[in-house]
Amino acid sequence: LLPCMAQDTQSDLLRDLSLLLAYPDTLNRAACCATTPPLTDQLLGLLPRVAPVQQEQAIFLIQELMSHTVTVRQLKRLFRVLQASGAALPARAWGLLRALRHTLEVADGPARSF
């Protein structure tokens, strides 16, 4: 439903989720990752359908969620989003690459499993 909302409402909702995930407690992140379908998957599907401002907010959320946990399926989906643009990378691609890099740099994040 988010792409059908007004841009102000989209920004407010994404900002509220950002505040929830920015809190240093991993319980909030775990709860967001345990949704069905996972919030990371929902946000990756949302990227091509929202304005650039909301894309940046969604990429921040993806970064925070993927620094908690990431599945192979989500990584594949992230790479498909990067490929979807063809030869020229869209602006969101650089944000996704930064998010992926951040995911690997977090000491207690998924990088410990690789």
Protein backbone atom coordinates (compact mmCIF):
# COMPACT_ATOMS: atom_id res chain seq x y z
CA LEU A 1 0.00 0.00 0.00
CA LEU A 2 2.92 2.36 0.55
CA PRO A 3 3.37 3.28 -3.15
CA CYS A 4 -0.31 4.34 -3.26
CA MET A 5 0.06 6.79 -0.35
CA ALA A 6 0.95 10.44 -0.55
CA GLN A 7 4.71 11.09 -0.52
CA ASP A 8 4.49 12.87 2.85
CA THR A 9 2.78 9.84 4.37
CA GLN A 10 5.38 7.53 2.81
CA SER A 11 8.20 9.61 4.31
CA ASP A 12 6.52 9.67 7.72
CA LEU A 13 6.06 5.90 7.77
CA LEU A 14 9.62 5.20 6.62
CA ARG A 15 10.99 7.71 9.13
CA ASP A 16 9.07 6.00 11.96
CA LEU A 17 10.49 2.63 10.91
CA SER A 18 13.97 4.19 10.83
CA LEU A 19 13.56 5.43 14.38
CA LEU A 20 12.41 2.00 15.46
CA LEU A 21 15.45 0.33 13.88
CA ALA A 22 17.93 2.98 14.98
CA TYR A 23 17.28 2.12 18.61
CA PRO A 24 20.28 0.03 19.75
CA ASP A 25 18.12 -2.92 20.82
CA THR A 26 18.31 -5.92 18.47
CA LEU A 27 14.82 -7.01 19.48
CA ASN A 28 13.23 -4.42 17.17
CA ARG A 29 15.36 -5.57 14.24
CA ALA A 30 14.60 -9.21 14.94
CA ALA A 31 10.87 -8.48 15.00
CA CYS A 32 11.06 -6.63 11.67
CA CYS A 33 13.07 -9.47 10.11
CA ALA A 34 10.56 -12.04 11.36
CA THR A 35 7.58 -10.54 9.51
CA THR A 36 5.99 -12.46 6.66
CA PRO A 37 7.12 -11.56 4.05
CA PRO A 38 10.31 -10.19 5.62
CA LEU A 39 10.50 -6.41 5.75
CA THR A 40 13.78 -6.46 3.82
CA ASP A 41 12.05 -8.21 0.90
CA GLN A 42 9.18 -5.75 1.01
CA LEU A 43 11.54 -2.79 0.95
CA LEU A 44 13.57 -4.20 -1.95
CA GLY A 45 10.35 -4.60 -3.93
CA LEU A 46 9.33 -1.07 -3.03
CA LEU A 47 12.46 0.68 -4.33
CA PRO A 48 11.55 0.99 -8.01
CA ARG A 49 8.04 2.24 -7.18
CA VAL A 50 8.73 5.25 -4.95
CA ALA A 51 10.33 8.67 -5.33
CA PRO A 52 14.09 9.16 -4.76
CA VAL A 53 13.61 10.66 -1.28
CA GLN A 54 11.67 7.60 -0.14
CA GLN A 55 14.21 5.35 -1.88
CA GLU A 56 16.97 6.77 0.33
CA GLN A 57 14.87 6.16 3.43
CA ALA A 58 14.11 2.60 2.30
CA ILE A 59 17.80 1.95 1.58
CA PHE A 60 18.67 3.06 5.12
CA LEU A 61 16.10 0.60 6.46
CA ILE A 62 17.49 -2.17 4.25
CA GLN A 63 20.98 -1.39 5.54
CA GLU A 64 19.86 -1.60 9.16
CA LEU A 65 17.91 -4.81 8.64
CA MET A 66 20.65 -6.50 6.64
CA SER A 67 23.19 -5.60 9.31
CA HIS A 68 21.09 -7.75 11.64
CA THR A 69 20.40 -10.70 9.33
CA VAL A 70 20.36 -11.38 5.61
CA THR A 71 19.42 -14.47 3.65
CA VAL A 72 20.81 -15.71 0.37
CA ARG A 73 17.41 -15.05 -1.18
CA GLN A 74 17.55 -11.42 -0.06
CA LEU A 75 21.06 -11.00 -1.44
CA LYS A 76 19.90 -12.41 -4.78
CA ARG A 77 16.98 -10.01 -4.79
CA LEU A 78 19.28 -7.10 -3.99
CA PHE A 79 21.50 -8.02 -6.96
CA ARG A 80 18.40 -8.32 -9.20
CA VAL A 81 17.39 -4.79 -8.17
CA LEU A 82 20.88 -3.63 -9.12
CA GLN A 83 20.64 -5.40 -12.51
CA ALA A 84 17.14 -4.15 -13.28
CA SER A 85 18.43 -0.85 -14.57
CA GLY A 86 20.42 -2.27 -17.47
CA ALA A 87 23.73 -0.67 -18.42
CA ALA A 88 23.39 2.56 -16.45
CA LEU A 89 23.15 2.25 -12.68
CA PRO A 90 20.38 4.34 -11.13
CA ALA A 91 21.13 6.58 -8.16
CA ARG A 92 19.60 4.00 -5.82
CA ALA A 93 22.22 1.44 -6.92
CA TRP A 94 25.01 3.33 -5.18
CA GLY A 95 22.95 3.53 -2.01
CA LEU A 96 22.34 -0.22 -2.15
CA LEU A 97 26.03 -0.89 -2.63
CA ARG A 98 26.83 1.30 0.38
CA ALA A 99 24.20 -0.60 2.40
CA LEU A 100 25.76 -3.91 1.39
CA ARG A 101 29.20 -2.67 2.35
CA HIS A 102 27.92 -1.49 5.74
CA THR A 103 26.36 -4.90 6.29
CA LEU A 104 29.74 -6.55 5.88
CA GLU A 105 31.52 -4.06 8.13
CA VAL A 106 29.30 -4.56 11.20
CA ALA A 107 31.26 -6.65 13.68
CA ASP A 108 28.28 -8.61 15.01
CA GLY A 109 26.41 -8.72 11.71
CA PRO A 110 25.92 -11.37 9.04
CA ALA A 111 29.58 -11.16 7.92
CA ARG A 112 30.45 -13.41 10.85
CA SER A 113 28.64 -16.23 9.05
CA PHE A 114 30.48 -15.87 5.74
